[in-house]
């Protein structure tokens, strides 16, 4: 990809909290910033992201070119990187996976998107798989209300992506990467609601005691959503769990979280922004 094209994708990603249209519509992307091995300057590229539990995988495909991409050569010299996911900026450490682990995870990626196999077929080099593990997270540089809306938008979008992936997978067992995507969503919803219960709601209740009954209702809704998340996790963690059952659970979450997010934003946005 040309520098101008990458620059336009990066600008769109940052302007829309991680959402990019065109050829990347419906794709999971992140921005990876490495330190130039020769220049020492920051080097940012958009990459496809593959959830993998507590870490995220990226593949140094360079669209099947015979030479490793610059960002990959940079992490070999300095594995300390910055990752942007559309909401948070994270300091992370990059690890090049080797042997059986690399082969297994690359096969998982190919199962989810055969395009990775097409890239591998174009070159004699083995496409590296790199794991990014978060070291620290920077506070978001936006108002409280904007952060709430952006966090909700990110979860809504991930639900849309997963629903489409499950529907495309057809009847039968779920693929390994799709299971990983679903589990990452479950983890994200849990983290978001835990943060609201532990920090946001107590702080708002202290400043605005008149809305404590509504905050309590939101907390009760979190418990109901947690039960739905547990059901989805059970389906995708079961080796015999199938796409039809997963789709039903995803649809339940879409309906419940959609209504819940709308109400939270209606009640809390202005208060979080200091109105």
C-alpha atoms as a PDB file:
ATOM      1  CA  UNK A   1       0.000   0.000   0.000  1.00  0.00           C
ATOM      2  CA  UNK A   2       1.231   3.502  -0.761  1.00  0.00           C
ATOM      3  CA  UNK A   3       2.137   5.984   1.921  1.00  0.00           C
ATOM      4  CA  UNK A   4      -0.684   8.281   0.809  1.00  0.00           C
ATOM      5  CA  UNK A   5      -3.220   5.459   1.043  1.00  0.00           C
ATOM      6  CA  UNK A   6      -1.986   4.444   4.499  1.00  0.00           C
ATOM      7  CA  UNK A   7      -2.123   8.059   5.610  1.00  0.00           C
ATOM      8  CA  UNK A   8      -5.744   8.402   4.510  1.00  0.00           C
ATOM      9  CA  UNK A   9      -6.710   5.193   6.334  1.00  0.00           C
ATOM     10  CA  UNK A  10      -4.936   6.366   9.495  1.00  0.00           C
ATOM     11  CA  UNK A  11      -6.719   9.727   9.378  1.00  0.00           C
ATOM     12  CA  UNK A  12     -10.115   8.081   8.867  1.00  0.00           C
ATOM     13  CA  UNK A  13      -9.425   5.571  11.663  1.00  0.00           C
ATOM     14  CA  UNK A  14      -8.553   8.310  14.145  1.00  0.00           C
ATOM     15  CA  UNK A  15     -11.423  10.577  13.089  1.00  0.00           C
ATOM     16  CA  UNK A  16     -14.023   7.797  13.478  1.00  0.00           C
ATOM     17  CA  UNK A  17     -12.813   5.985  16.608  1.00  0.00           C
ATOM     18  CA  UNK A  18     -11.465   3.022  14.675  1.00  0.00           C
ATOM     19  CA  UNK A  19     -14.119   2.691  11.986  1.00  0.00           C
ATOM     20  CA  UNK A  20     -12.926   2.757   8.355  1.00  0.00           C
ATOM     21  CA  UNK A  21     -15.048   2.382   5.228  1.00  0.00           C
ATOM     22  CA  UNK A  22     -14.292   1.421   1.651  1.00  0.00           C
ATOM     23  CA  UNK A  23     -12.277  -1.758   1.247  1.00  0.00           C
ATOM     24  CA  UNK A  24     -11.903  -1.970   5.042  1.00  0.00           C
ATOM     25  CA  UNK A  25     -15.618  -1.793   5.837  1.00  0.00           C
ATOM     26  CA  UNK A  26     -16.390  -4.655   8.201  1.00  0.00           C
ATOM     27  CA  UNK A  27     -12.733  -5.322   9.021  1.00  0.00           C
ATOM     28  CA  UNK A  28     -11.040  -5.271  12.408  1.00  0.00           C
ATOM     29  CA  UNK A  29      -8.176  -2.819  12.216  1.00  0.00           C
ATOM     30  CA  UNK A  30      -5.616  -1.355  14.575  1.00  0.00           C
ATOM     31  CA  UNK A  31      -2.890   1.226  14.153  1.00  0.00           C
ATOM     32  CA  UNK A  32       0.590  -0.011  15.019  1.00  0.00           C
ATOM     33  CA  UNK A  33       3.357   2.480  15.673  1.00  0.00           C
ATOM     34  CA  UNK A  34       6.903   1.149  15.716  1.00  0.00           C
ATOM     35  CA  UNK A  35      10.286   2.857  15.989  1.00  0.00           C
ATOM     36  CA  UNK A  36      12.229   2.901  12.739  1.00  0.00           C
ATOM     37  CA  UNK A  37      15.164   0.510  12.983  1.00  0.00           C
ATOM     38  CA  UNK A  38      17.414   2.897  11.058  1.00  0.00           C
ATOM     39  CA  UNK A  39      15.726   6.294  11.405  1.00  0.00           C
ATOM     40  CA  UNK A  40      14.614   6.070  15.031  1.00  0.00           C
ATOM     41  CA  UNK A  41      11.419   7.856  13.961  1.00  0.00           C
ATOM     42  CA  UNK A  42       7.871   6.648  14.708  1.00  0.00           C
ATOM     43  CA  UNK A  43       6.292   4.643  11.895  1.00  0.00           C
ATOM     44  CA  UNK A  44       2.495   4.045  11.929  1.00  0.00           C
ATOM     45  CA  UNK A  45       0.609   1.533   9.783  1.00  0.00           C
ATOM     46  CA  UNK A  46      -2.971   0.179   9.725  1.00  0.00           C
ATOM     47  CA  UNK A  47      -3.120  -3.597  10.153  1.00  0.00           C
ATOM     48  CA  UNK A  48      -5.756  -6.291  10.337  1.00  0.00           C
ATOM     49  CA  UNK A  49      -6.329  -7.365  13.949  1.00  0.00           C
ATOM     50  CA  UNK A  50      -7.012 -10.914  15.156  1.00  0.00           C
ATOM     51  CA  UNK A  51      -8.218 -11.223  18.778  1.00  0.00           C
ATOM     52  CA  UNK A  52      -6.431 -13.883  20.813  1.00  0.00           C
ATOM     53  CA  UNK A  53      -7.436 -13.754  24.455  1.00  0.00           C
ATOM     54  CA  UNK A  54      -5.354 -11.200  26.345  1.00  0.00           C
ATOM     55  CA  UNK A  55      -3.387 -10.312  23.232  1.00  0.00           C
ATOM     56  CA  UNK A  56      -3.958  -9.330  19.615  1.00  0.00           C
ATOM     57  CA  UNK A  57      -2.342 -10.944  16.586  1.00  0.00           C
ATOM     58  CA  UNK A  58      -1.137  -9.220  13.435  1.00  0.00           C
ATOM     59  CA  UNK A  59       0.368 -10.866  10.368  1.00  0.00           C
ATOM     60  CA  UNK A  60       3.335  -9.423   8.448  1.00  0.00           C
ATOM     61  CA  UNK A  61       1.875 -10.286   5.063  1.00  0.00           C
ATOM     62  CA  UNK A  62       2.801  -7.182   3.039  1.00  0.00           C
ATOM     63  CA  UNK A  63       0.095  -8.542   0.693  1.00  0.00           C
ATOM     64  CA  UNK A  64       2.393 -11.424  -0.240  1.00  0.00           C
ATOM     65  CA  UNK A  65       5.474  -9.383  -1.125  1.00  0.00           C
ATOM     66  CA  UNK A  66       8.831 -11.178  -0.988  1.00  0.00           C
ATOM     67  CA  UNK A  67      10.244  -8.675   1.510  1.00  0.00           C
ATOM     68  CA  UNK A  68       9.060  -8.329   5.108  1.00  0.00           C
ATOM     69  CA  UNK A  69       7.189  -5.071   5.748  1.00  0.00           C
ATOM     70  CA  UNK A  70       9.113  -2.252   7.428  1.00  0.00           C
ATOM     71  CA  UNK A  71       7.041  -2.450  10.610  1.00  0.00           C
ATOM     72  CA  UNK A  72       8.101  -6.071  11.080  1.00  0.00           C
ATOM     73  CA  UNK A  73      11.775  -5.267  10.645  1.00  0.00           C
ATOM     74  CA  UNK A  74      11.302  -2.454  13.154  1.00  0.00           C
ATOM     75  CA  UNK A  75       9.904  -4.709  15.893  1.00  0.00           C
ATOM     76  CA  UNK A  76      12.820  -7.078  15.482  1.00  0.00           C
ATOM     77  CA  UNK A  77      15.041  -4.163  16.476  1.00  0.00           C
ATOM     78  CA  UNK A  78      12.674  -2.749  19.133  1.00  0.00           C
ATOM     79  CA  UNK A  79       9.598  -4.739  20.246  1.00  0.00           C
ATOM     80  CA  UNK A  80       8.141  -1.861  22.291  1.00  0.00           C
ATOM     81  CA  UNK A  81       5.229  -0.504  20.236  1.00  0.00           C
ATOM     82  CA  UNK A  82       2.109   1.632  20.453  1.00  0.00           C
ATOM     83  CA  UNK A  83      -1.294   0.230  19.491  1.00  0.00           C
ATOM     84  CA  UNK A  84      -4.435   2.265  18.790  1.00  0.00           C
ATOM     85  CA  UNK A  85      -7.730   0.374  18.775  1.00  0.00           C
ATOM     86  CA  UNK A  86     -10.009   3.331  18.078  1.00  0.00           C
ATOM     87  CA  UNK A  87     -10.742   4.071  21.733  1.00  0.00           C
ATOM     88  CA  UNK A  88      -7.543   3.509  23.680  1.00  0.00           C
ATOM     89  CA  UNK A  89      -3.872   4.093  22.986  1.00  0.00           C
ATOM     90  CA  UNK A  90      -1.860   1.231  24.439  1.00  0.00           C
ATOM     91  CA  UNK A  91       1.801   0.666  25.050  1.00  0.00           C
ATOM     92  CA  UNK A  92       2.455  -2.921  24.034  1.00  0.00           C
ATOM     93  CA  UNK A  93       5.185  -5.463  23.477  1.00  0.00           C
ATOM     94  CA  UNK A  94       5.451  -7.349  20.193  1.00  0.00           C
ATOM     95  CA  UNK A  95       6.477 -11.014  20.129  1.00  0.00           C
ATOM     96  CA  UNK A  96       7.192 -12.948  16.940  1.00  0.00           C
ATOM     97  CA  UNK A  97       5.570 -16.369  17.284  1.00  0.00           C
ATOM     98  CA  UNK A  98       7.491 -19.435  16.254  1.00  0.00           C
ATOM     99  CA  UNK A  99       7.002 -23.103  15.429  1.00  0.00           C
ATOM    100  CA  UNK A 100       3.770 -24.891  16.255  1.00  0.00           C
ATOM    101  CA  UNK A 101       2.174 -21.846  17.847  1.00  0.00           C
ATOM    102  CA  UNK A 102       2.785 -19.711  14.757  1.00  0.00           C
ATOM    103  CA  UNK A 103       1.543 -22.450  12.408  1.00  0.00           C
ATOM    104  CA  UNK A 104      -1.596 -23.121  14.459  1.00  0.00           C
ATOM    105  CA  UNK A 105      -2.559 -19.471  14.715  1.00  0.00           C
ATOM    106  CA  UNK A 106      -1.840 -18.769  11.058  1.00  0.00           C
ATOM    107  CA  UNK A 107      -4.063 -21.730  10.130  1.00  0.00           C
ATOM    108  CA  UNK A 108      -6.758 -20.287  12.389  1.00  0.00           C
ATOM    109  CA  UNK A 109      -6.493 -16.953  10.585  1.00  0.00           C
ATOM    110  CA  UNK A 110      -6.750 -18.677   7.195  1.00  0.00           C
ATOM    111  CA  UNK A 111      -9.838 -20.576   8.341  1.00  0.00           C
ATOM    112  CA  UNK A 112     -11.495 -17.237   9.127  1.00  0.00           C
ATOM    113  CA  UNK A 113     -10.183 -15.424   6.022  1.00  0.00           C
ATOM    114  CA  UNK A 114      -8.646 -17.383   3.116  1.00  0.00           C
ATOM    115  CA  UNK A 115      -7.011 -14.155   1.931  1.00  0.00           C
ATOM    116  CA  UNK A 116      -4.122 -14.884   4.299  1.00  0.00           C
ATOM    117  CA  UNK A 117      -3.442 -18.127   2.397  1.00  0.00           C
ATOM    118  CA  UNK A 118      -3.509 -16.196  -0.876  1.00  0.00           C
ATOM    119  CA  UNK A 119      -0.820 -13.865   0.447  1.00  0.00           C
ATOM    120  CA  UNK A 120       1.288 -16.813   1.619  1.00  0.00           C
ATOM    121  CA  UNK A 121       1.003 -18.441  -1.816  1.00  0.00           C
ATOM    122  CA  UNK A 122       2.520 -15.373  -3.468  1.00  0.00           C
ATOM    123  CA  UNK A 123       5.855 -15.594  -1.637  1.00  0.00           C
ATOM    124  CA  UNK A 124       8.447 -18.107  -0.514  1.00  0.00           C
ATOM    125  CA  UNK A 125       8.914 -16.385   2.839  1.00  0.00           C
ATOM    126  CA  UNK A 126       6.888 -17.642   5.805  1.00  0.00           C
ATOM    127  CA  UNK A 127       4.485 -14.879   6.799  1.00  0.00           C
ATOM    128  CA  UNK A 128       5.291 -13.951  10.400  1.00  0.00           C
ATOM    129  CA  UNK A 129       2.565 -13.926  13.046  1.00  0.00           C
ATOM    130  CA  UNK A 130       3.147 -11.337  15.761  1.00  0.00           C
ATOM    131  CA  UNK A 131       1.419 -11.187  19.166  1.00  0.00           C
ATOM    132  CA  UNK A 132       0.835  -7.764  20.736  1.00  0.00           C
ATOM    133  CA  UNK A 133       0.452  -7.764  24.522  1.00  0.00           C
ATOM    134  CA  UNK A 134      -0.671  -4.604  26.314  1.00  0.00           C
ATOM    135  CA  UNK A 135       1.740  -3.172  28.873  1.00  0.00           C
ATOM    136  CA  UNK A 136      -0.157   0.022  29.783  1.00  0.00           C
ATOM    137  CA  UNK A 137      -3.122   2.055  28.575  1.00  0.00           C
ATOM    138  CA  UNK A 138      -3.246   5.840  28.196  1.00  0.00           C
ATOM    139  CA  UNK A 139      -6.368   7.694  29.388  1.00  0.00           C
ATOM    140  CA  UNK A 140      -8.572   8.639  26.413  1.00  0.00           C
ATOM    141  CA  UNK A 141      -8.282  12.266  25.324  1.00  0.00           C
ATOM    142  CA  UNK A 142     -12.008  13.037  25.107  1.00  0.00           C
ATOM    143  CA  UNK A 143     -14.830  14.136  27.379  1.00  0.00           C
ATOM    144  CA  UNK A 144     -16.607  11.636  29.589  1.00  0.00           C
ATOM    145  CA  UNK A 145     -19.747  11.776  27.486  1.00  0.00           C
ATOM    146  CA  UNK A 146     -17.823  11.328  24.247  1.00  0.00           C
ATOM    147  CA  UNK A 147     -15.935   8.397  25.754  1.00  0.00           C
ATOM    148  CA  UNK A 148     -19.179   6.705  26.806  1.00  0.00           C
ATOM    149  CA  UNK A 149     -20.634   7.070  23.306  1.00  0.00           C
ATOM    150  CA  UNK A 150     -17.400   5.882  21.657  1.00  0.00           C
ATOM    151  CA  UNK A 151     -17.143   2.849  23.940  1.00  0.00           C
ATOM    152  CA  UNK A 152     -20.737   1.935  23.197  1.00  0.00           C
ATOM    153  CA  UNK A 153     -20.201   2.441  19.461  1.00  0.00           C
ATOM    154  CA  UNK A 154     -17.199   0.132  19.547  1.00  0.00           C
ATOM    155  CA  UNK A 155     -19.156  -2.646  21.255  1.00  0.00           C
ATOM    156  CA  UNK A 156     -22.116  -2.177  18.912  1.00  0.00           C
ATOM    157  CA  UNK A 157     -19.799  -2.439  15.913  1.00  0.00           C
ATOM    158  CA  UNK A 158     -18.111  -5.556  17.255  1.00  0.00           C
ATOM    159  CA  UNK A 159     -21.513  -7.156  17.771  1.00  0.00           C
ATOM    160  CA  UNK A 160     -22.400  -6.324  14.168  1.00  0.00           C
ATOM    161  CA  UNK A 161     -19.133  -7.852  12.920  1.00  0.00           C
ATOM    162  CA  UNK A 162     -19.572 -11.014  14.952  1.00  0.00           C
ATOM    163  CA  UNK A 163     -23.183 -11.417  13.893  1.00  0.00           C
ATOM    164  CA  UNK A 164     -22.137 -11.182  10.243  1.00  0.00           C
ATOM    165  CA  UNK A 165     -19.267 -13.636  10.800  1.00  0.00           C
ATOM    166  CA  UNK A 166     -21.515 -16.169  12.532  1.00  0.00           C
ATOM    167  CA  UNK A 167     -24.155 -15.854   9.820  1.00  0.00           C
ATOM    168  CA  UNK A 168     -21.518 -16.336   7.086  1.00  0.00           C
ATOM    169  CA  UNK A 169     -20.088 -19.400   8.789  1.00  0.00           C
ATOM    170  CA  UNK A 170     -23.239 -21.383   8.020  1.00  0.00           C
ATOM    171  CA  UNK A 171     -24.557 -24.371   9.987  1.00  0.00           C
ATOM    172  CA  UNK A 172     -22.293 -26.513  12.112  1.00  0.00           C
ATOM    173  CA  UNK A 173     -19.428 -25.874  14.487  1.00  0.00           C
ATOM    174  CA  UNK A 174     -17.854 -22.455  14.859  1.00  0.00           C
ATOM    175  CA  UNK A 175     -14.339 -21.809  13.563  1.00  0.00           C
ATOM    176  CA  UNK A 176     -11.524 -21.282  16.057  1.00  0.00           C
ATOM    177  CA  UNK A 177     -10.924 -17.609  15.185  1.00  0.00           C
ATOM    178  CA  UNK A 178     -14.645 -16.858  15.346  1.00  0.00           C
ATOM    179  CA  UNK A 179     -14.713 -18.394  18.813  1.00  0.00           C
ATOM    180  CA  UNK A 180     -11.775 -16.172  19.780  1.00  0.00           C
ATOM    181  CA  UNK A 181     -13.599 -13.112  18.405  1.00  0.00           C
ATOM    182  CA  UNK A 182     -16.713 -13.936  20.452  1.00  0.00           C
ATOM    183  CA  UNK A 183     -14.707 -14.473  23.633  1.00  0.00           C
ATOM    184  CA  UNK A 184     -12.909 -11.154  23.116  1.00  0.00           C
ATOM    185  CA  UNK A 185     -16.286  -9.429  22.789  1.00  0.00           C
ATOM    186  CA  UNK A 186     -17.474 -11.048  26.013  1.00  0.00           C
ATOM    187  CA  UNK A 187     -14.327  -9.865  27.765  1.00  0.00           C
ATOM    188  CA  UNK A 188     -14.808  -6.334  26.420  1.00  0.00           C
ATOM    189  CA  UNK A 189     -18.432  -6.070  27.578  1.00  0.00           C
ATOM    190  CA  UNK A 190     -17.457  -7.365  31.021  1.00  0.00           C
ATOM    191  CA  UNK A 191     -14.583  -4.865  31.319  1.00  0.00           C
ATOM    192  CA  UNK A 192     -16.778  -1.956  30.208  1.00  0.00           C
ATOM    193  CA  UNK A 193     -19.555  -2.713  32.696  1.00  0.00           C
ATOM    194  CA  UNK A 194     -17.109  -3.455  35.501  1.00  0.00           C
ATOM    195  CA  UNK A 195     -15.548  -0.024  34.972  1.00  0.00           C
ATOM    196  CA  UNK A 196     -18.955   1.661  35.055  1.00  0.00           C
ATOM    197  CA  UNK A 197     -20.027  -0.201  38.221  1.00  0.00           C
ATOM    198  CA  UNK A 198     -16.761   0.402  40.066  1.00  0.00           C
ATOM    199  CA  UNK A 199     -15.933   3.971  39.011  1.00  0.00           C
ATOM    200  CA  UNK A 200     -18.410   5.835  36.826  1.00  0.00           C
ATOM    201  CA  UNK A 201     -21.654   5.108  38.672  1.00  0.00           C
ATOM    202  CA  UNK A 202     -20.313   5.768  42.215  1.00  0.00           C
ATOM    203  CA  UNK A 203     -18.781   9.061  41.073  1.00  0.00           C
ATOM    204  CA  UNK A 204     -21.964  10.180  39.330  1.00  0.00           C
ATOM    205  CA  UNK A 205     -24.101   9.095  42.270  1.00  0.00           C
ATOM    206  CA  UNK A 206     -21.941  11.151  44.619  1.00  0.00           C
ATOM    207  CA  UNK A 207     -22.260  14.280  42.468  1.00  0.00           C
ATOM    208  CA  UNK A 208     -25.878  13.736  41.435  1.00  0.00           C
ATOM    209  CA  UNK A 209     -27.748  11.833  44.183  1.00  0.00           C
ATOM    210  CA  UNK A 210     -31.041  12.458  42.378  1.00  0.00           C
ATOM    211  CA  UNK A 211     -30.110   9.889  39.693  1.00  0.00           C
ATOM    212  CA  UNK A 212     -29.039   7.093  42.040  1.00  0.00           C
ATOM    213  CA  UNK A 213     -32.241   5.090  41.376  1.00  0.00           C
ATOM    214  CA  UNK A 214     -31.471   5.197  37.648  1.00  0.00           C
ATOM    215  CA  UNK A 215     -27.868   4.187  38.265  1.00  0.00           C
ATOM    216  CA  UNK A 216     -29.118   1.255  40.328  1.00  0.00           C
ATOM    217  CA  UNK A 217     -31.334   0.244  37.407  1.00  0.00           C
ATOM    218  CA  UNK A 218     -28.358   0.378  35.071  1.00  0.00           C
ATOM    219  CA  UNK A 219     -26.432  -1.806  37.505  1.00  0.00           C
ATOM    220  CA  UNK A 220     -29.270  -4.342  37.515  1.00  0.00           C
ATOM    221  CA  UNK A 221     -29.244  -4.343  33.725  1.00  0.00           C
ATOM    222  CA  UNK A 222     -25.519  -5.067  33.843  1.00  0.00           C
ATOM    223  CA  UNK A 223     -26.290  -8.229  35.808  1.00  0.00           C
ATOM    224  CA  UNK A 224     -28.810  -9.341  33.174  1.00  0.00           C
ATOM    225  CA  UNK A 225     -26.318  -8.639  30.394  1.00  0.00           C
ATOM    226  CA  UNK A 226     -23.655 -10.581  32.321  1.00  0.00           C
ATOM    227  CA  UNK A 227     -25.942 -13.620  32.304  1.00  0.00           C
ATOM    228  CA  UNK A 228     -26.363 -13.291  28.509  1.00  0.00           C
ATOM    229  CA  UNK A 229     -22.603 -12.937  28.067  1.00  0.00           C
ATOM    230  CA  UNK A 230     -22.123 -16.098  30.127  1.00  0.00           C
ATOM    231  CA  UNK A 231     -24.546 -17.931  27.824  1.00  0.00           C
ATOM    232  CA  UNK A 232     -22.635 -16.803  24.734  1.00  0.00           C
ATOM    233  CA  UNK A 233     -19.326 -17.817  26.310  1.00  0.00           C
ATOM    234  CA  UNK A 234     -20.754 -21.235  27.116  1.00  0.00           C
ATOM    235  CA  UNK A 235     -21.847 -21.770  23.511  1.00  0.00           C
ATOM    236  CA  UNK A 236     -18.554 -20.691  21.936  1.00  0.00           C
ATOM    237  CA  UNK A 237     -16.445 -22.523  24.534  1.00  0.00           C
ATOM    238  CA  UNK A 238     -18.272 -25.803  23.854  1.00  0.00           C
ATOM    239  CA  UNK A 239     -16.502 -27.797  21.103  1.00  0.00           C
ATOM    240  CA  UNK A 240     -19.962 -28.862  19.940  1.00  0.00           C
ATOM    241  CA  UNK A 241     -21.400 -25.338  20.101  1.00  0.00           C
ATOM    242  CA  UNK A 242     -22.882 -24.435  16.737  1.00  0.00           C
ATOM    243  CA  UNK A 243     -23.476 -21.284  14.725  1.00  0.00           C
ATOM    244  CA  UNK A 244     -27.255 -21.305  15.156  1.00  0.00           C
ATOM    245  CA  UNK A 245     -27.008 -21.272  18.946  1.00  0.00           C
ATOM    246  CA  UNK A 246     -24.303 -18.589  18.867  1.00  0.00           C
ATOM    247  CA  UNK A 247     -26.365 -16.421  16.520  1.00  0.00           C
ATOM    248  CA  UNK A 248     -29.341 -16.567  18.864  1.00  0.00           C
ATOM    249  CA  UNK A 249     -27.186 -15.432  21.801  1.00  0.00           C
ATOM    250  CA  UNK A 250     -25.578 -12.639  19.762  1.00  0.00           C
ATOM    251  CA  UNK A 251     -29.022 -11.383  18.740  1.00  0.00           C
ATOM    252  CA  UNK A 252     -30.134 -11.342  22.384  1.00  0.00           C
ATOM    253  CA  UNK A 253     -27.081  -9.259  23.266  1.00  0.00           C
ATOM    254  CA  UNK A 254     -27.614  -6.855  20.375  1.00  0.00           C
ATOM    255  CA  UNK A 255     -31.182  -6.167  21.496  1.00  0.00           C
ATOM    256  CA  UNK A 256     -30.391  -5.863  25.199  1.00  0.00           C
ATOM    257  CA  UNK A 257     -27.245  -3.768  24.853  1.00  0.00           C
ATOM    258  CA  UNK A 258     -28.754  -1.531  22.185  1.00  0.00           C
ATOM    259  CA  UNK A 259     -31.588  -0.473  24.490  1.00  0.00           C
ATOM    260  CA  UNK A 260     -29.272  -0.262  27.515  1.00  0.00           C
ATOM    261  CA  UNK A 261     -26.693   1.884  25.734  1.00  0.00           C
ATOM    262  CA  UNK A 262     -29.357   4.253  24.397  1.00  0.00           C
ATOM    263  CA  UNK A 263     -30.702   4.837  27.898  1.00  0.00           C
ATOM    264  CA  UNK A 264     -27.272   5.283  29.453  1.00  0.00           C
ATOM    265  CA  UNK A 265     -26.344   7.878  26.852  1.00  0.00           C
ATOM    266  CA  UNK A 266     -29.665   9.698  27.278  1.00  0.00           C
ATOM    267  CA  UNK A 267     -29.283   9.915  31.063  1.00  0.00           C
ATOM    268  CA  UNK A 268     -25.541  10.259  31.511  1.00  0.00           C
ATOM    269  CA  UNK A 269     -23.888  12.068  28.582  1.00  0.00           C
ATOM    270  CA  UNK A 270     -24.632  15.602  29.734  1.00  0.00           C
ATOM    271  CA  UNK A 271     -23.746  14.780  33.353  1.00  0.00           C
ATOM    272  CA  UNK A 272     -20.419  13.251  32.329  1.00  0.00           C
ATOM    273  CA  UNK A 273     -19.667  16.386  30.310  1.00  0.00           C
ATOM    274  CA  UNK A 274     -20.303  18.570  33.350  1.00  0.00           C
ATOM    275  CA  UNK A 275     -23.676  20.005  32.367  1.00  0.00           C
END
